Structure formats: C-alpha cells, structure tokens
Amino acid sequence: MSSKTKTPQKIPVSVIAKPGSSKANKTGSWRTQYPICDKNKCTACTLCVLYCPEGVIKVDKKSKYFVDLDYCKGCGICALICPVKALEMKPERR
C-alpha cells in the first residue's frame, strides 16, 4: 500500500491595514439593535463586560457602566447574560 502525501492548502489570512486601525473604523453604524442599560437595576456584576465579544462595555469614573455605541455591533449577548435584566435590546432607528 502506498501512502500519498497531500500538499498543504494555503489558509486565507485576514488583512489588517495596521495595528489599532479598528479604532478608526466605527462598526456600530450597521447594527439593527442596540443595548439600553437601566442603571437602577444594574448590580455591577460585570458579566456584560466579561461576555461582550467586542469589549465595548466600559465603566466611567463614577463606576457606572455604559456601552460605546460607536463600536457596538448589537449582538445582544450583554442583554442575554445579564442576570437582573438591566440591559434591554432596542431596535435601531436611523
């Protein structure tokens, strides 16, 4: 029995113009929904911060959470993971 070796296929690589260039490209402009936070319900558990795939949930100097809507893609993970339902997804109106 002969064993044939296959040539490895080339894996496509994504192209990044330069490091840190994503900050120049605001990605929130194409979302269809966005999160609204009820700060009275928020217990500051930080689950939304930990689970946000884009890292757009921030904490200000007064320890209040906010979403950077310039970069939020509206995936809704933050609202799904919030144990007290302080985050709610709203339809985008443009």
PDB file of N, CA and C in Angstrom:
ATOM      1  N   MET A   1       0.838  -1.179   0.000  1.00  0.00           N
ATOM      2  CA  MET A   1       0.000   0.000   0.000  1.00  0.00           C
ATOM      3  C   MET A   1       0.881   1.239   0.000  1.00  0.00           C
ATOM      4  N   SER A   2       0.585   2.139  -0.880  1.00  0.00           N
ATOM      5  CA  SER A   2       1.387   3.366  -0.927  1.00  0.00           C
ATOM      6  C   SER A   2       0.630   4.496  -0.250  1.00  0.00           C
ATOM      7  N   SER A   3       1.372   5.298   0.401  1.00  0.00           N
ATOM      8  CA  SER A   3       0.731   6.432   1.063  1.00  0.00           C
ATOM      9  C   SER A   3       1.043   7.690   0.273  1.00  0.00           C
ATOM     10  N   LYS A   4       0.010   8.383  -0.083  1.00  0.00           N
ATOM     11  CA  LYS A   4       0.187   9.621  -0.843  1.00  0.00           C
ATOM     12  C   LYS A   4       0.171  10.784   0.125  1.00  0.00           C
ATOM     13  N   THR A   5       1.119  11.654  -0.011  1.00  0.00           N
ATOM     14  CA  THR A   5       1.127  12.859   0.826  1.00  0.00           C
ATOM     15  C   THR A   5       0.510  13.997   0.045  1.00  0.00           C
ATOM     16  N   LYS A   6      -0.336  14.687   0.708  1.00  0.00           N
ATOM     17  CA  LYS A   6      -1.007  15.828   0.078  1.00  0.00           C
ATOM     18  C   LYS A   6      -0.256  17.095   0.410  1.00  0.00           C
ATOM     19  N   THR A   7      -0.240  17.985  -0.523  1.00  0.00           N
ATOM     20  CA  THR A   7       0.366  19.285  -0.267  1.00  0.00           C
ATOM     21  C   THR A   7      -0.577  20.095   0.595  1.00  0.00           C
ATOM     22  N   PRO A   8      -0.064  20.714   1.640  1.00  0.00           N
ATOM     23  CA  PRO A   8      -0.954  21.517   2.488  1.00  0.00           C
ATOM     24  C   PRO A   8      -1.573  22.667   1.704  1.00  0.00           C
ATOM     25  N   GLN A   9      -2.848  22.890   1.978  1.00  0.00           N
ATOM     26  CA  GLN A   9      -3.530  24.012   1.331  1.00  0.00           C
ATOM     27  C   GLN A   9      -3.179  25.304   2.054  1.00  0.00           C
ATOM     28  N   LYS A  10      -3.170  26.370   1.299  1.00  0.00           N
ATOM     29  CA  LYS A  10      -2.920  27.673   1.917  1.00  0.00           C
ATOM     30  C   LYS A  10      -4.184  28.135   2.615  1.00  0.00           C
ATOM     31  N   ILE A  11      -4.026  28.596   3.823  1.00  0.00           N
ATOM     32  CA  ILE A  11      -5.155  29.100   4.597  1.00  0.00           C
ATOM     33  C   ILE A  11      -5.241  30.597   4.383  1.00  0.00           C
ATOM     34  N   PRO A  12      -6.422  31.096   3.981  1.00  0.00           N
ATOM     35  CA  PRO A  12      -6.535  32.543   3.788  1.00  0.00           C
ATOM     36  C   PRO A  12      -6.324  33.292   5.097  1.00  0.00           C
ATOM     37  N   VAL A  13      -5.655  34.388   4.997  1.00  0.00           N
ATOM     38  CA  VAL A  13      -5.348  35.210   6.165  1.00  0.00           C
ATOM     39  C   VAL A  13      -6.068  36.538   6.015  1.00  0.00           C
ATOM     40  N   SER A  14      -6.690  36.999   7.111  1.00  0.00           N
ATOM     41  CA  SER A  14      -7.350  38.297   7.034  1.00  0.00           C
ATOM     42  C   SER A  14      -6.286  39.396   6.970  1.00  0.00           C
ATOM     43  N   VAL A  15      -6.669  40.476   6.378  1.00  0.00           N
ATOM     44  CA  VAL A  15      -5.722  41.571   6.203  1.00  0.00           C
ATOM     45  C   VAL A  15      -6.085  42.699   7.159  1.00  0.00           C
ATOM     46  N   ILE A  16      -5.144  43.114   7.936  1.00  0.00           N
ATOM     47  CA  ILE A  16      -5.314  44.267   8.818  1.00  0.00           C
ATOM     48  C   ILE A  16      -4.395  45.350   8.283  1.00  0.00           C
ATOM     49  N   ALA A  17      -4.963  46.492   8.006  1.00  0.00           N
ATOM     50  CA  ALA A  17      -4.174  47.571   7.419  1.00  0.00           C
ATOM     51  C   ALA A  17      -2.984  47.938   8.298  1.00  0.00           C
ATOM     52  N   LYS A  18      -3.244  48.141   9.558  1.00  0.00           N
ATOM     53  CA  LYS A  18      -2.176  48.426  10.516  1.00  0.00           C
ATOM     54  C   LYS A  18      -2.712  48.173  11.913  1.00  0.00           C
ATOM     55  N   PRO A  19      -1.852  47.858  12.859  1.00  0.00           N
ATOM     56  CA  PRO A  19      -2.320  47.602  14.222  1.00  0.00           C
ATOM     57  C   PRO A  19      -3.085  48.794  14.793  1.00  0.00           C
ATOM     58  N   GLY A  20      -4.197  48.492  15.460  1.00  0.00           N
ATOM     59  CA  GLY A  20      -5.003  49.547  16.074  1.00  0.00           C
ATOM     60  C   GLY A  20      -5.929  50.273  15.115  1.00  0.00           C
ATOM     61  N   SER A  21      -5.994  49.809  13.858  1.00  0.00           N
ATOM     62  CA  SER A  21      -6.817  50.517  12.876  1.00  0.00           C
ATOM     63  C   SER A  21      -8.313  50.338  13.114  1.00  0.00           C
ATOM     64  N   SER A  22      -8.699  49.341  13.905  1.00  0.00           N
ATOM     65  CA  SER A  22     -10.134  49.139  14.155  1.00  0.00           C
ATOM     66  C   SER A  22     -10.744  50.315  14.908  1.00  0.00           C
ATOM     67  N   LYS A  23      -9.959  51.045  15.671  1.00  0.00           N
ATOM     68  CA  LYS A  23     -10.490  52.214  16.378  1.00  0.00           C
ATOM     69  C   LYS A  23     -10.896  53.312  15.409  1.00  0.00           C
ATOM     70  N   ALA A  24     -10.291  53.324  14.235  1.00  0.00           N
ATOM     71  CA  ALA A  24     -10.633  54.333  13.235  1.00  0.00           C
ATOM     72  C   ALA A  24     -11.882  53.950  12.453  1.00  0.00           C
ATOM     73  N   ASN A  25     -12.267  52.676  12.517  1.00  0.00           N
ATOM     74  CA  ASN A  25     -13.414  52.179  11.761  1.00  0.00           C
ATOM     75  C   ASN A  25     -14.575  51.922  12.712  1.00  0.00           C
ATOM     76  N   LYS A  26     -15.459  52.873  12.802  1.00  0.00           N
ATOM     77  CA  LYS A  26     -16.615  52.732  13.697  1.00  0.00           C
ATOM     78  C   LYS A  26     -17.572  51.705  13.100  1.00  0.00           C
ATOM     79  N   THR A  27     -17.760  50.614  13.834  1.00  0.00           N
ATOM     80  CA  THR A  27     -18.531  49.491  13.310  1.00  0.00           C
ATOM     81  C   THR A  27     -19.987  49.490  13.747  1.00  0.00           C
ATOM     82  N   GLY A  28     -20.378  50.389  14.613  1.00  0.00           N
ATOM     83  CA  GLY A  28     -21.747  50.415  15.104  1.00  0.00           C
ATOM     84  C   GLY A  28     -22.755  50.955  14.116  1.00  0.00           C
ATOM     85  N   SER A  29     -22.315  51.444  12.979  1.00  0.00           N
ATOM     86  CA  SER A  29     -23.229  52.091  12.037  1.00  0.00           C
ATOM     87  C   SER A  29     -24.127  51.104  11.297  1.00  0.00           C
ATOM     88  N   TRP A  30     -23.829  49.818  11.307  1.00  0.00           N
ATOM     89  CA  TRP A  30     -24.644  48.866  10.569  1.00  0.00           C
ATOM     90  C   TRP A  30     -25.476  47.945  11.458  1.00  0.00           C
ATOM     91  N   ARG A  31     -25.493  48.153  12.748  1.00  0.00           N
ATOM     92  CA  ARG A  31     -26.275  47.276  13.626  1.00  0.00           C
ATOM     93  C   ARG A  31     -27.776  47.550  13.454  1.00  0.00           C
ATOM     94  N   THR A  32     -28.584  46.583  13.864  1.00  0.00           N
ATOM     95  CA  THR A  32     -30.041  46.725  13.759  1.00  0.00           C
ATOM     96  C   THR A  32     -30.694  46.906  15.126  1.00  0.00           C
ATOM     97  N   GLN A  33     -29.917  46.677  16.190  1.00  0.00           N
ATOM     98  CA  GLN A  33     -30.425  46.886  17.545  1.00  0.00           C
ATOM     99  C   GLN A  33     -29.261  47.328  18.433  1.00  0.00           C
ATOM    100  N   TYR A  34     -29.604  47.914  19.571  1.00  0.00           N
ATOM    101  CA  TYR A  34     -28.571  48.381  20.486  1.00  0.00           C
ATOM    102  C   TYR A  34     -29.044  48.202  21.926  1.00  0.00           C
ATOM    103  N   PRO A  35     -28.094  48.046  22.867  1.00  0.00           N
ATOM    104  CA  PRO A  35     -28.472  47.836  24.259  1.00  0.00           C
ATOM    105  C   PRO A  35     -28.718  49.141  25.005  1.00  0.00           C
ATOM    106  N   ILE A  36     -29.733  49.117  25.850  1.00  0.00           N
ATOM    107  CA  ILE A  36     -30.026  50.224  26.763  1.00  0.00           C
ATOM    108  C   ILE A  36     -29.891  49.658  28.170  1.00  0.00           C
ATOM    109  N   CYS A  37     -29.206  50.380  29.046  1.00  0.00           N
ATOM    110  CA  CYS A  37     -28.983  49.910  30.407  1.00  0.00           C
ATOM    111  C   CYS A  37     -29.854  50.682  31.389  1.00  0.00           C
ATOM    112  N   ASP A  38     -30.607  49.943  32.202  1.00  0.00           N
ATOM    113  CA  ASP A  38     -31.362  50.536  33.300  1.00  0.00           C
ATOM    114  C   ASP A  38     -30.422  50.566  34.506  1.00  0.00           C
ATOM    115  N   LYS A  39     -29.830  51.704  34.755  1.00  0.00           N
ATOM    116  CA  LYS A  39     -28.810  51.832  35.805  1.00  0.00           C
ATOM    117  C   LYS A  39     -29.382  51.574  37.203  1.00  0.00           C
ATOM    118  N   ASN A  40     -30.689  51.672  37.371  1.00  0.00           N
ATOM    119  CA  ASN A  40     -31.307  51.364  38.668  1.00  0.00           C
ATOM    120  C   ASN A  40     -31.337  49.856  38.933  1.00  0.00           C
ATOM    121  N   LYS A  41     -31.396  49.062  37.865  1.00  0.00           N
ATOM    122  CA  LYS A  41     -31.404  47.609  38.015  1.00  0.00           C
ATOM    123  C   LYS A  41     -29.983  47.030  38.079  1.00  0.00           C
ATOM    124  N   CYS A  42     -29.037  47.706  37.481  1.00  0.00           N
ATOM    125  CA  CYS A  42     -27.668  47.189  37.355  1.00  0.00           C
ATOM    126  C   CYS A  42     -27.034  46.964  38.731  1.00  0.00           C
ATOM    127  N   THR A  43     -26.491  45.770  38.933  1.00  0.00           N
ATOM    128  CA  THR A  43     -25.826  45.426  40.195  1.00  0.00           C
ATOM    129  C   THR A  43     -24.305  45.459  40.063  1.00  0.00           C
ATOM    130  N   ALA A  44     -23.796  45.878  38.944  1.00  0.00           N
ATOM    131  CA  ALA A  44     -22.356  45.957  38.668  1.00  0.00           C
ATOM    132  C   ALA A  44     -21.679  44.598  38.805  1.00  0.00           C
ATOM    133  N   CYS A  45     -22.330  43.561  38.322  1.00  0.00           N
ATOM    134  CA  CYS A  45     -21.770  42.204  38.408  1.00  0.00           C
ATOM    135  C   CYS A  45     -20.639  41.991  37.397  1.00  0.00           C
ATOM    136  N   THR A  46     -20.533  42.827  36.401  1.00  0.00           N
ATOM    137  CA  THR A  46     -19.522  42.829  35.320  1.00  0.00           C
ATOM    138  C   THR A  46     -19.656  41.679  34.324  1.00  0.00           C
ATOM    139  N   LEU A  47     -20.738  40.904  34.378  1.00  0.00           N
ATOM    140  CA  LEU A  47     -20.895  39.832  33.398  1.00  0.00           C
ATOM    141  C   LEU A  47     -20.989  40.378  31.974  1.00  0.00           C
ATOM    142  N   CYS A  48     -21.653  41.501  31.798  1.00  0.00           N
ATOM    143  CA  CYS A  48     -21.761  42.091  30.463  1.00  0.00           C
ATOM    144  C   CYS A  48     -20.385  42.467  29.928  1.00  0.00           C
ATOM    145  N   VAL A  49     -19.539  42.994  30.794  1.00  0.00           N
ATOM    146  CA  VAL A  49     -18.181  43.367  30.393  1.00  0.00           C
ATOM    147  C   VAL A  49     -17.393  42.124  29.995  1.00  0.00           C
ATOM    148  N   LEU A  50     -17.515  41.069  30.772  1.00  0.00           N
ATOM    149  CA  LEU A  50     -16.766  39.838  30.507  1.00  0.00           C
ATOM    150  C   LEU A  50     -17.220  39.132  29.233  1.00  0.00           C
ATOM    151  N   TYR A  51     -18.514  39.161  28.947  1.00  0.00           N
ATOM    152  CA  TYR A  51     -19.041  38.416  27.808  1.00  0.00           C
ATOM    153  C   TYR A  51     -19.133  39.224  26.511  1.00  0.00           C
ATOM    154  N   CYS A  52     -18.989  40.522  26.551  1.00  0.00           N
ATOM    155  CA  CYS A  52     -19.075  41.332  25.334  1.00  0.00           C
ATOM    156  C   CYS A  52     -17.929  40.961  24.389  1.00  0.00           C
ATOM    157  N   PRO A  53     -18.239  40.419  23.203  1.00  0.00           N
ATOM    158  CA  PRO A  53     -17.171  39.995  22.301  1.00  0.00           C
ATOM    159  C   PRO A  53     -16.374  41.155  21.718  1.00  0.00           C
ATOM    160  N   GLU A  54     -16.919  42.343  21.746  1.00  0.00           N
ATOM    161  CA  GLU A  54     -16.223  43.499  21.189  1.00  0.00           C
ATOM    162  C   GLU A  54     -15.560  44.368  22.252  1.00  0.00           C
ATOM    163  N   GLY A  55     -15.827  44.095  23.512  1.00  0.00           N
ATOM    164  CA  GLY A  55     -15.212  44.882  24.582  1.00  0.00           C
ATOM    165  C   GLY A  55     -15.669  46.323  24.601  1.00  0.00           C
ATOM    166  N   VAL A  56     -16.938  46.563  24.284  1.00  0.00           N
ATOM    167  CA  VAL A  56     -17.432  47.931  24.181  1.00  0.00           C
ATOM    168  C   VAL A  56     -18.174  48.410  25.420  1.00  0.00           C
ATOM    169  N   ILE A  57     -18.316  47.560  26.422  1.00  0.00           N
ATOM    170  CA  ILE A  57     -18.968  47.989  27.656  1.00  0.00           C
ATOM    171  C   ILE A  57     -17.880  48.490  28.595  1.00  0.00           C
ATOM    172  N   LYS A  58     -18.002  49.733  28.979  1.00  0.00           N
ATOM    173  CA  LYS A  58     -16.966  50.419  29.759  1.00  0.00           C
ATOM    174  C   LYS A  58     -17.524  50.870  31.104  1.00  0.00           C
ATOM    175  N   VAL A  59     -16.629  51.274  31.982  1.00  0.00           N
ATOM    176  CA  VAL A  59     -17.003  51.803  33.288  1.00  0.00           C
ATOM    177  C   VAL A  59     -16.425  53.209  33.395  1.00  0.00           C
ATOM    178  N   ASP A  60     -17.268  54.176  33.766  1.00  0.00           N
ATOM    179  CA  ASP A  60     -16.778  55.548  33.893  1.00  0.00           C
ATOM    180  C   ASP A  60     -16.189  55.791  35.289  1.00  0.00           C
ATOM    181  N   LYS A  61     -15.767  57.012  35.549  1.00  0.00           N
ATOM    182  CA  LYS A  61     -15.115  57.359  36.821  1.00  0.00           C
ATOM    183  C   LYS A  61     -16.026  57.195  38.031  1.00  0.00           C
ATOM    184  N   LYS A  62     -17.345  57.198  37.803  1.00  0.00           N
ATOM    185  CA  LYS A  62     -18.306  57.035  38.900  1.00  0.00           C
ATOM    186  C   LYS A  62     -18.782  55.586  39.018  1.00  0.00           C
ATOM    187  N   SER A  63     -18.036  54.670  38.418  1.00  0.00           N
ATOM    188  CA  SER A  63     -18.362  53.242  38.420  1.00  0.00           C
ATOM    189  C   SER A  63     -19.713  52.933  37.780  1.00  0.00           C
ATOM    190  N   LYS A  64     -20.101  53.725  36.803  1.00  0.00           N
ATOM    191  CA  LYS A  64     -21.327  53.479  36.042  1.00  0.00           C
ATOM    192  C   LYS A  64     -20.953  52.843  34.710  1.00  0.00           C
ATOM    193  N   TYR A  65     -21.722  51.842  34.302  1.00  0.00           N
ATOM    194  CA  TYR A  65     -21.451  51.126  33.066  1.00  0.00           C
ATOM    195  C   TYR A  65     -22.122  51.833  31.893  1.00  0.00           C
ATOM    196  N   PHE A  66     -21.437  51.821  30.759  1.00  0.00           N
ATOM    197  CA  PHE A  66     -22.020  52.385  29.543  1.00  0.00           C
ATOM    198  C   PHE A  66     -21.506  51.601  28.337  1.00  0.00           C
ATOM    199  N   VAL A  67     -22.247  51.678  27.241  1.00  0.00           N
ATOM    200  CA  VAL A  67     -21.895  50.977  26.010  1.00  0.00           C
ATOM    201  C   VAL A  67     -21.370  51.991  25.013  1.00  0.00           C
ATOM    202  N   ASP A  68     -20.212  51.715  24.453  1.00  0.00           N
ATOM    203  CA  ASP A  68     -19.651  52.577  23.404  1.00  0.00           C
ATOM    204  C   ASP A  68     -20.370  52.226  22.102  1.00  0.00           C
ATOM    205  N   LEU A  69     -21.406  52.983  21.786  1.00  0.00           N
ATOM    206  CA  LEU A  69     -22.263  52.680  20.640  1.00  0.00           C
ATOM    207  C   LEU A  69     -21.575  52.898  19.301  1.00  0.00           C
ATOM    208  N   ASP A  70     -20.442  53.580  19.280  1.00  0.00           N
ATOM    209  CA  ASP A  70     -19.697  53.721  18.030  1.00  0.00           C
ATOM    210  C   ASP A  70     -19.177  52.368  17.548  1.00  0.00           C
ATOM    211  N   TYR A  71     -18.941  51.454  18.466  1.00  0.00           N
ATOM    212  CA  TYR A  71     -18.356  50.160  18.116  1.00  0.00           C
ATOM    213  C   TYR A  71     -19.246  48.964  18.438  1.00  0.00           C
ATOM    214  N   CYS A  72     -20.350  49.161  19.137  1.00  0.00           N
ATOM    215  CA  CYS A  72     -21.270  48.069  19.468  1.00  0.00           C
ATOM    216  C   CYS A  72     -21.931  47.567  18.189  1.00  0.00           C
ATOM    217  N   LYS A  73     -21.888  46.249  17.980  1.00  0.00           N
ATOM    218  CA  LYS A  73     -22.481  45.657  16.779  1.00  0.00           C
ATOM    219  C   LYS A  73     -23.902  45.158  17.020  1.00  0.00           C
ATOM    220  N   GLY A  74     -24.395  45.293  18.261  1.00  0.00           N
ATOM    221  CA  GLY A  74     -25.784  44.930  18.551  1.00  0.00           C
ATOM    222  C   GLY A  74     -26.046  43.446  18.610  1.00  0.00           C
ATOM    223  N   CYS A  75     -25.073  42.660  19.048  1.00  0.00           N
ATOM    224  CA  CYS A  75     -25.240  41.192  19.073  1.00  0.00           C
ATOM    225  C   CYS A  75     -26.232  40.747  20.145  1.00  0.00           C
ATOM    226  N   GLY A  76     -26.384  41.519  21.227  1.00  0.00           N
ATOM    227  CA  GLY A  76     -27.349  41.188  22.275  1.00  0.00           C
ATOM    228  C   GLY A  76     -26.845  40.242  23.345  1.00  0.00           C
ATOM    229  N   ILE A  77     -25.592  39.841  23.290  1.00  0.00           N
ATOM    230  CA  ILE A  77     -25.049  38.928  24.293  1.00  0.00           C
ATOM    231  C   ILE A  77     -25.122  39.551  25.682  1.00  0.00           C
ATOM    232  N   CYS A  78     -24.846  40.827  25.783  1.00  0.00           N
ATOM    233  CA  CYS A  78     -24.885  41.505  27.088  1.00  0.00           C
ATOM    234  C   CYS A  78     -26.272  41.410  27.713  1.00  0.00           C
ATOM    235  N   ALA A  79     -27.311  41.611  26.910  1.00  0.00           N
ATOM    236  CA  ALA A  79     -28.681  41.541  27.423  1.00  0.00           C
ATOM    237  C   ALA A  79     -29.061  40.110  27.803  1.00  0.00           C
ATOM    238  N   LEU A  80     -28.576  39.141  27.053  1.00  0.00           N
ATOM    239  CA  LEU A  80     -28.874  37.742  27.365  1.00  0.00           C
ATOM    240  C   LEU A  80     -28.188  37.278  28.643  1.00  0.00           C
ATOM    241  N   ILE A  81     -26.977  37.766  28.894  1.00  0.00           N
ATOM    242  CA  ILE A  81     -26.189  37.299  30.031  1.00  0.00           C
ATOM    243  C   ILE A  81     -26.527  38.036  31.331  1.00  0.00           C
ATOM    244  N   CYS A  82     -27.160  39.185  31.247  1.00  0.00           N
ATOM    245  CA  CYS A  82     -27.443  39.996  32.432  1.00  0.00           C
ATOM    246  C   CYS A  82     -28.433  39.280  33.353  1.00  0.00           C
ATOM    247  N   PRO A  83     -28.002  38.941  34.580  1.00  0.00           N
ATOM    248  CA  PRO A  83     -28.881  38.173  35.474  1.00  0.00           C
ATOM    249  C   PRO A  83     -30.079  38.961  36.012  1.00  0.00           C
ATOM    250  N   VAL A  84     -30.001  40.293  36.014  1.00  0.00           N
ATOM    251  CA  VAL A  84     -31.109  41.096  36.544  1.00  0.00           C
ATOM    252  C   VAL A  84     -31.871  41.828  35.428  1.00  0.00           C
ATOM    253  N   LYS A  85     -31.532  41.503  34.193  1.00  0.00           N
ATOM    254  CA  LYS A  85     -32.196  42.100  33.013  1.00  0.00           C
ATOM    255  C   LYS A  85     -32.105  43.629  33.010  1.00  0.00           C
ATOM    256  N   ALA A  86     -30.938  44.146  33.389  1.00  0.00           N
ATOM    257  CA  ALA A  86     -30.718  45.592  33.367  1.00  0.00           C
ATOM    258  C   ALA A  86     -30.451  46.101  31.955  1.00  0.00           C
ATOM    259  N   LEU A  87     -30.058  45.193  31.061  1.00  0.00           N
ATOM    260  CA  LEU A  87     -29.816  45.549  29.659  1.00  0.00           C
ATOM    261  C   LEU A  87     -30.962  45.038  28.796  1.00  0.00           C
ATOM    262  N   GLU A  88     -31.416  45.896  27.907  1.00  0.00           N
ATOM    263  CA  GLU A  88     -32.501  45.531  27.004  1.00  0.00           C
ATOM    264  C   GLU A  88     -32.116  45.975  25.602  1.00  0.00           C
ATOM    265  N   MET A  89     -32.381  45.140  24.622  1.00  0.00           N
ATOM    266  CA  MET A  89     -32.073  45.478  23.227  1.00  0.00           C
ATOM    267  C   MET A  89     -33.252  46.255  22.634  1.00  0.00           C
ATOM    268  N   LYS A  90     -32.912  47.347  21.987  1.00  0.00           N
ATOM    269  CA  LYS A  90     -33.908  48.209  21.339  1.00  0.00           C
ATOM    270  C   LYS A  90     -33.605  48.250  19.839  1.00  0.00           C
ATOM    271  N   PRO A  91     -34.638  48.347  18.991  1.00  0.00           N
ATOM    272  CA  PRO A  91     -34.380  48.446  17.550  1.00  0.00           C
ATOM    273  C   PRO A  91     -33.710  49.771  17.208  1.00  0.00           C
ATOM    274  N   GLU A  92     -32.777  49.696  16.282  1.00  0.00           N
ATOM    275  CA  GLU A  92     -32.067  50.882  15.817  1.00  0.00           C
ATOM    276  C   GLU A  92     -32.986  51.698  14.935  1.00  0.00           C
ATOM    277  N   ARG A  93     -33.027  52.982  15.168  1.00  0.00           N
ATOM    278  CA  ARG A  93     -33.828  53.896  14.335  1.00  0.00           C
ATOM    279  C   ARG A  93     -32.885  54.895  13.698  1.00  0.00           C
ATOM    280  N   ARG A  94     -32.857  54.893  12.415  1.00  0.00           N
ATOM    281  CA  ARG A  94     -31.951  55.798  11.677  1.00  0.00           C
ATOM    282  C   ARG A  94     -32.714  56.704  10.783  1.00  0.00           C
TER     283      ARG A  94
END
